[in-house]
Amino acid sequence: MYQFGHTVEGAPKLPLNLLDALREFDNDQSLKAALGEEFSSAYLKLKHQEWNSYASHFTQWERDHTLDI
């Protein structure tokens, strides 16, 4: 698949970041049911906290390319 990935049509795409992955997970009722409501809820809460911590910091690239300092 890697060698011919550019020619594959209709293949499902992976989420681009953690937040998109969390949204996909939250919408997957069968996966959440298989893992259990308590685990799924705790996992989503923990990972949203992780995402919020990540998103609250500027990266070096953002500093170099977007800030007018």
PDB file of N, CA and C in Angstrom:
ATOM      1  N   MET A   1       0.824  -1.192   0.000  1.00  0.00           N
ATOM      2  CA  MET A   1       0.000   0.000   0.000  1.00  0.00           C
ATOM      3  C   MET A   1       0.866   1.253   0.000  1.00  0.00           C
ATOM      4  N   TYR A   2       1.988   1.230   0.727  1.00  0.00           N
ATOM      5  CA  TYR A   2       2.832   2.418   0.783  1.00  0.00           C
ATOM      6  C   TYR A   2       3.399   2.759  -0.586  1.00  0.00           C
ATOM      7  N   GLN A   3       3.833   1.735  -1.305  1.00  0.00           N
ATOM      8  CA  GLN A   3       4.442   1.963  -2.613  1.00  0.00           C
ATOM      9  C   GLN A   3       3.417   2.494  -3.615  1.00  0.00           C
ATOM     10  N   PHE A   4       2.198   2.018  -3.517  1.00  0.00           N
ATOM     11  CA  PHE A   4       1.168   2.399  -4.481  1.00  0.00           C
ATOM     12  C   PHE A   4       0.065   3.243  -3.840  1.00  0.00           C
ATOM     13  N   GLY A   5       0.347   3.840  -2.704  1.00  0.00           N
ATOM     14  CA  GLY A   5      -0.658   4.601  -1.967  1.00  0.00           C
ATOM     15  C   GLY A   5      -1.298   5.710  -2.766  1.00  0.00           C
ATOM     16  N   HIS A   6      -0.530   6.345  -3.626  1.00  0.00           N
ATOM     17  CA  HIS A   6      -1.072   7.458  -4.413  1.00  0.00           C
ATOM     18  C   HIS A   6      -2.071   6.992  -5.463  1.00  0.00           C
ATOM     19  N   THR A   7      -2.116   5.691  -5.733  1.00  0.00           N
ATOM     20  CA  THR A   7      -3.048   5.182  -6.738  1.00  0.00           C
ATOM     21  C   THR A   7      -4.299   4.562  -6.116  1.00  0.00           C
ATOM     22  N   VAL A   8      -4.308   4.385  -4.808  1.00  0.00           N
ATOM     23  CA  VAL A   8      -5.437   3.755  -4.121  1.00  0.00           C
ATOM     24  C   VAL A   8      -6.583   4.751  -4.009  1.00  0.00           C
ATOM     25  N   GLU A   9      -7.774   4.292  -4.386  1.00  0.00           N
ATOM     26  CA  GLU A   9      -8.955   5.147  -4.298  1.00  0.00           C
ATOM     27  C   GLU A   9      -9.951   4.545  -3.312  1.00  0.00           C
ATOM     28  N   GLY A  10     -10.600   5.404  -2.566  1.00  0.00           N
ATOM     29  CA  GLY A  10     -11.657   4.959  -1.667  1.00  0.00           C
ATOM     30  C   GLY A  10     -11.184   4.368  -0.351  1.00  0.00           C
ATOM     31  N   ALA A  11      -9.890   4.395  -0.090  1.00  0.00           N
ATOM     32  CA  ALA A  11      -9.384   3.864   1.180  1.00  0.00           C
ATOM     33  C   ALA A  11      -9.702   4.849   2.303  1.00  0.00           C
ATOM     34  N   PRO A  12     -10.062   4.339   3.471  1.00  0.00           N
ATOM     35  CA  PRO A  12     -10.333   5.256   4.587  1.00  0.00           C
ATOM     36  C   PRO A  12      -9.060   5.990   4.996  1.00  0.00           C
ATOM     37  N   LYS A  13      -9.222   7.220   5.432  1.00  0.00           N
ATOM     38  CA  LYS A  13      -8.071   8.030   5.825  1.00  0.00           C
ATOM     39  C   LYS A  13      -7.969   8.075   7.341  1.00  0.00           C
ATOM     40  N   LEU A  14      -6.744   8.112   7.818  1.00  0.00           N
ATOM     41  CA  LEU A  14      -6.507   8.238   9.252  1.00  0.00           C
ATOM     42  C   LEU A  14      -6.704   9.684   9.686  1.00  0.00           C
ATOM     43  N   PRO A  15      -7.082   9.897  10.932  1.00  0.00           N
ATOM     44  CA  PRO A  15      -7.182  11.271  11.442  1.00  0.00           C
ATOM     45  C   PRO A  15      -5.831  11.977  11.334  1.00  0.00           C
ATOM     46  N   LEU A  16      -5.862  13.281  11.117  1.00  0.00           N
ATOM     47  CA  LEU A  16      -4.630  14.045  10.940  1.00  0.00           C
ATOM     48  C   LEU A  16      -3.973  14.434  12.258  1.00  0.00           C
ATOM     49  N   ASN A  17      -4.743  14.427  13.344  1.00  0.00           N
ATOM     50  CA  ASN A  17      -4.176  14.807  14.636  1.00  0.00           C
ATOM     51  C   ASN A  17      -4.980  14.140  15.752  1.00  0.00           C
ATOM     52  N   LEU A  18      -4.524  14.334  16.972  1.00  0.00           N
ATOM     53  CA  LEU A  18      -5.174  13.707  18.121  1.00  0.00           C
ATOM     54  C   LEU A  18      -6.622  14.151  18.272  1.00  0.00           C
ATOM     55  N   LEU A  19      -6.898  15.417  18.054  1.00  0.00           N
ATOM     56  CA  LEU A  19      -8.268  15.907  18.217  1.00  0.00           C
ATOM     57  C   LEU A  19      -9.214  15.238  17.225  1.00  0.00           C
ATOM     58  N   ASP A  20      -8.796  15.107  15.979  1.00  0.00           N
ATOM     59  CA  ASP A  20      -9.620  14.411  14.986  1.00  0.00           C
ATOM     60  C   ASP A  20      -9.821  12.945  15.378  1.00  0.00           C
ATOM     61  N   ALA A  21      -8.776  12.311  15.907  1.00  0.00           N
ATOM     62  CA  ALA A  21      -8.884  10.917  16.337  1.00  0.00           C
ATOM     63  C   ALA A  21      -9.867  10.777  17.497  1.00  0.00           C
ATOM     64  N   LEU A  22      -9.835  11.723  18.416  1.00  0.00           N
ATOM     65  CA  LEU A  22     -10.776  11.686  19.538  1.00  0.00           C
ATOM     66  C   LEU A  22     -12.212  11.863  19.067  1.00  0.00           C
ATOM     67  N   ARG A  23     -12.416  12.719  18.099  1.00  0.00           N
ATOM     68  CA  ARG A  23     -13.765  12.904  17.548  1.00  0.00           C
ATOM     69  C   ARG A  23     -14.255  11.619  16.884  1.00  0.00           C
ATOM     70  N   GLU A  24     -13.371  10.967  16.131  1.00  0.00           N
ATOM     71  CA  GLU A  24     -13.736   9.696  15.485  1.00  0.00           C
ATOM     72  C   GLU A  24     -14.075   8.642  16.542  1.00  0.00           C
ATOM     73  N   PHE A  25     -13.242   8.556  17.567  1.00  0.00           N
ATOM     74  CA  PHE A  25     -13.483   7.597  18.645  1.00  0.00           C
ATOM     75  C   PHE A  25     -14.811   7.878  19.336  1.00  0.00           C
ATOM     76  N   ASP A  26     -15.094   9.132  19.622  1.00  0.00           N
ATOM     77  CA  ASP A  26     -16.328   9.506  20.311  1.00  0.00           C
ATOM     78  C   ASP A  26     -17.558   9.175  19.473  1.00  0.00           C
ATOM     79  N   ASN A  27     -17.427   9.189  18.160  1.00  0.00           N
ATOM     80  CA  ASN A  27     -18.548   8.878  17.269  1.00  0.00           C
ATOM     81  C   ASN A  27     -18.701   7.384  16.995  1.00  0.00           C
ATOM     82  N   ASP A  28     -17.734   6.569  17.409  1.00  0.00           N
ATOM     83  CA  ASP A  28     -17.773   5.125  17.148  1.00  0.00           C
ATOM     84  C   ASP A  28     -18.432   4.406  18.329  1.00  0.00           C
ATOM     85  N   GLN A  29     -19.746   4.283  18.261  1.00  0.00           N
ATOM     86  CA  GLN A  29     -20.501   3.707  19.374  1.00  0.00           C
ATOM     87  C   GLN A  29     -20.149   2.243  19.618  1.00  0.00           C
ATOM     88  N   SER A  30     -19.863   1.487  18.569  1.00  0.00           N
ATOM     89  CA  SER A  30     -19.541   0.071  18.764  1.00  0.00           C
ATOM     90  C   SER A  30     -18.196  -0.097  19.469  1.00  0.00           C
ATOM     91  N   LEU A  31     -17.216   0.726  19.138  1.00  0.00           N
ATOM     92  CA  LEU A  31     -15.917   0.654  19.807  1.00  0.00           C
ATOM     93  C   LEU A  31     -16.044   1.067  21.270  1.00  0.00           C
ATOM     94  N   LYS A  32     -16.790   2.144  21.508  1.00  0.00           N
ATOM     95  CA  LYS A  32     -16.987   2.597  22.886  1.00  0.00           C
ATOM     96  C   LYS A  32     -17.723   1.536  23.711  1.00  0.00           C
ATOM     97  N   ALA A  33     -18.683   0.865  23.109  1.00  0.00           N
ATOM     98  CA  ALA A  33     -19.409  -0.191  23.816  1.00  0.00           C
ATOM     99  C   ALA A  33     -18.486  -1.373  24.112  1.00  0.00           C
ATOM    100  N   ALA A  34     -17.624  -1.714  23.166  1.00  0.00           N
ATOM    101  CA  ALA A  34     -16.698  -2.831  23.366  1.00  0.00           C
ATOM    102  C   ALA A  34     -15.689  -2.530  24.473  1.00  0.00           C
ATOM    103  N   LEU A  35     -15.251  -1.292  24.566  1.00  0.00           N
ATOM    104  CA  LEU A  35     -14.270  -0.907  25.584  1.00  0.00           C
ATOM    105  C   LEU A  35     -14.912  -0.599  26.933  1.00  0.00           C
ATOM    106  N   GLY A  36     -16.200  -0.327  26.902  1.00  0.00           N
ATOM    107  CA  GLY A  36     -16.918   0.000  28.134  1.00  0.00           C
ATOM    108  C   GLY A  36     -17.066   1.501  28.293  1.00  0.00           C
ATOM    109  N   GLU A  37     -18.214   1.899  28.822  1.00  0.00           N
ATOM    110  CA  GLU A  37     -18.527   3.323  28.968  1.00  0.00           C
ATOM    111  C   GLU A  37     -17.557   4.021  29.912  1.00  0.00           C
ATOM    112  N   GLU A  38     -17.228   3.366  31.022  1.00  0.00           N
ATOM    113  CA  GLU A  38     -16.347   3.994  32.013  1.00  0.00           C
ATOM    114  C   GLU A  38     -14.949   4.239  31.440  1.00  0.00           C
ATOM    115  N   PHE A  39     -14.391   3.226  30.774  1.00  0.00           N
ATOM    116  CA  PHE A  39     -13.064   3.386  30.177  1.00  0.00           C
ATOM    117  C   PHE A  39     -13.088   4.439  29.078  1.00  0.00           C
ATOM    118  N   SER A  40     -14.066   4.355  28.187  1.00  0.00           N
ATOM    119  CA  SER A  40     -14.150   5.285  27.057  1.00  0.00           C
ATOM    120  C   SER A  40     -14.253   6.724  27.531  1.00  0.00           C
ATOM    121  N   SER A  41     -15.085   6.939  28.523  1.00  0.00           N
ATOM    122  CA  SER A  41     -15.270   8.285  29.054  1.00  0.00           C
ATOM    123  C   SER A  41     -13.982   8.808  29.691  1.00  0.00           C
ATOM    124  N   ALA A  42     -13.321   7.972  30.487  1.00  0.00           N
ATOM    125  CA  ALA A  42     -12.070   8.376  31.137  1.00  0.00           C
ATOM    126  C   ALA A  42     -10.978   8.626  30.102  1.00  0.00           C
ATOM    127  N   TYR A  43     -10.895   7.765  29.094  1.00  0.00           N
ATOM    128  CA  TYR A  43      -9.885   7.913  28.045  1.00  0.00           C
ATOM    129  C   TYR A  43     -10.088   9.221  27.285  1.00  0.00           C
ATOM    130  N   LEU A  44     -11.323   9.498  26.905  1.00  0.00           N
ATOM    131  CA  LEU A  44     -11.609  10.737  26.182  1.00  0.00           C
ATOM    132  C   LEU A  44     -11.274  11.962  27.025  1.00  0.00           C
ATOM    133  N   LYS A  45     -11.625  11.923  28.297  1.00  0.00           N
ATOM    134  CA  LYS A  45     -11.328  13.049  29.181  1.00  0.00           C
ATOM    135  C   LYS A  45      -9.823  13.265  29.288  1.00  0.00           C
ATOM    136  N   LEU A  46      -9.073  12.202  29.509  1.00  0.00           N
ATOM    137  CA  LEU A  46      -7.621  12.295  29.642  1.00  0.00           C
ATOM    138  C   LEU A  46      -6.972  12.819  28.365  1.00  0.00           C
ATOM    139  N   LYS A  47      -7.378  12.283  27.234  1.00  0.00           N
ATOM    140  CA  LYS A  47      -6.765  12.675  25.966  1.00  0.00           C
ATOM    141  C   LYS A  47      -7.172  14.088  25.549  1.00  0.00           C
ATOM    142  N   HIS A  48      -8.366  14.525  25.906  1.00  0.00           N
ATOM    143  CA  HIS A  48      -8.745  15.919  25.643  1.00  0.00           C
ATOM    144  C   HIS A  48      -7.887  16.863  26.484  1.00  0.00           C
ATOM    145  N   GLN A  49      -7.601  16.480  27.721  1.00  0.00           N
ATOM    146  CA  GLN A  49      -6.701  17.287  28.549  1.00  0.00           C
ATOM    147  C   GLN A  49      -5.312  17.343  27.918  1.00  0.00           C
ATOM    148  N   GLU A  50      -4.852  16.216  27.402  1.00  0.00           N
ATOM    149  CA  GLU A  50      -3.549  16.162  26.727  1.00  0.00           C
ATOM    150  C   GLU A  50      -3.543  17.084  25.510  1.00  0.00           C
ATOM    151  N   TRP A  51      -4.607  17.034  24.708  1.00  0.00           N
ATOM    152  CA  TRP A  51      -4.692  17.884  23.522  1.00  0.00           C
ATOM    153  C   TRP A  51      -4.707  19.364  23.911  1.00  0.00           C
ATOM    154  N   ASN A  52      -5.492  19.700  24.922  1.00  0.00           N
ATOM    155  CA  ASN A  52      -5.578  21.096  25.359  1.00  0.00           C
ATOM    156  C   ASN A  52      -4.233  21.604  25.857  1.00  0.00           C
ATOM    157  N   SER A  53      -3.488  20.769  26.540  1.00  0.00           N
ATOM    158  CA  SER A  53      -2.152  21.146  26.998  1.00  0.00           C
ATOM    159  C   SER A  53      -1.234  21.391  25.803  1.00  0.00           C
ATOM    160  N   TYR A  54      -1.280  20.498  24.831  1.00  0.00           N
ATOM    161  CA  TYR A  54      -0.466  20.645  23.617  1.00  0.00           C
ATOM    162  C   TYR A  54      -0.847  21.922  22.861  1.00  0.00           C
ATOM    163  N   ALA A  55      -2.142  22.137  22.688  1.00  0.00           N
ATOM    164  CA  ALA A  55      -2.615  23.258  21.871  1.00  0.00           C
ATOM    165  C   ALA A  55      -2.396  24.611  22.538  1.00  0.00           C
ATOM    166  N   SER A  56      -2.110  24.620  23.819  1.00  0.00           N
ATOM    167  CA  SER A  56      -1.934  25.896  24.515  1.00  0.00           C
ATOM    168  C   SER A  56      -0.510  26.435  24.418  1.00  0.00           C
ATOM    169  N   HIS A  57       0.368  25.737  23.713  1.00  0.00           N
ATOM    170  CA  HIS A  57       1.761  26.166  23.583  1.00  0.00           C
ATOM    171  C   HIS A  57       2.099  26.479  22.128  1.00  0.00           C
ATOM    172  N   PHE A  58       2.889  27.512  21.928  1.00  0.00           N
ATOM    173  CA  PHE A  58       3.392  27.820  20.597  1.00  0.00           C
ATOM    174  C   PHE A  58       4.574  26.915  20.283  1.00  0.00           C
ATOM    175  N   THR A  59       4.615  26.415  19.061  1.00  0.00           N
ATOM    176  CA  THR A  59       5.784  25.651  18.626  1.00  0.00           C
ATOM    177  C   THR A  59       6.858  26.619  18.141  1.00  0.00           C
ATOM    178  N   GLN A  60       8.061  26.117  17.996  1.00  0.00           N
ATOM    179  CA  GLN A  60       9.136  26.957  17.484  1.00  0.00           C
ATOM    180  C   GLN A  60       8.807  27.426  16.065  1.00  0.00           C
ATOM    181  N   TRP A  61       8.203  26.567  15.251  1.00  0.00           N
ATOM    182  CA  TRP A  61       7.831  26.948  13.889  1.00  0.00           C
ATOM    183  C   TRP A  61       6.848  28.114  13.921  1.00  0.00           C
ATOM    184  N   GLU A  62       5.856  28.055  14.815  1.00  0.00           N
ATOM    185  CA  GLU A  62       4.889  29.149  14.934  1.00  0.00           C
ATOM    186  C   GLU A  62       5.579  30.442  15.349  1.00  0.00           C
ATOM    187  N   ARG A  63       6.514  30.338  16.260  1.00  0.00           N
ATOM    188  CA  ARG A  63       7.264  31.529  16.677  1.00  0.00           C
ATOM    189  C   ARG A  63       8.050  32.118  15.513  1.00  0.00           C
ATOM    190  N   ASP A  64       8.689  31.252  14.749  1.00  0.00           N
ATOM    191  CA  ASP A  64       9.542  31.702  13.644  1.00  0.00           C
ATOM    192  C   ASP A  64       8.758  32.261  12.461  1.00  0.00           C
ATOM    193  N   HIS A  65       7.552  31.737  12.220  1.00  0.00           N
ATOM    194  CA  HIS A  65       6.842  32.064  10.984  1.00  0.00           C
ATOM    195  C   HIS A  65       5.567  32.886  11.136  1.00  0.00           C
ATOM    196  N   THR A  66       5.042  33.005  12.321  1.00  0.00           N
ATOM    197  CA  THR A  66       3.747  33.685  12.418  1.00  0.00           C
ATOM    198  C   THR A  66       3.712  34.868  13.368  1.00  0.00           C
ATOM    199  N   LEU A  67       4.651  34.958  14.266  1.00  0.00           N
ATOM    200  CA  LEU A  67       4.613  36.048  15.232  1.00  0.00           C
ATOM    201  C   LEU A  67       5.420  37.239  14.737  1.00  0.00           C
ATOM    202  N   ASP A  68       4.856  38.410  14.865  1.00  0.00           N
ATOM    203  CA  ASP A  68       5.555  39.647  14.502  1.00  0.00           C
ATOM    204  C   ASP A  68       6.225  40.200  15.749  1.00  0.00           C
ATOM    205  N   ILE A  69       7.430  39.758  15.963  1.00  0.00           N
ATOM    206  CA  ILE A  69       8.164  40.197  17.161  1.00  0.00           C
ATOM    207  C   ILE A  69       9.351  41.030  16.740  1.00  0.00           C
TER     208      ILE A  69
END
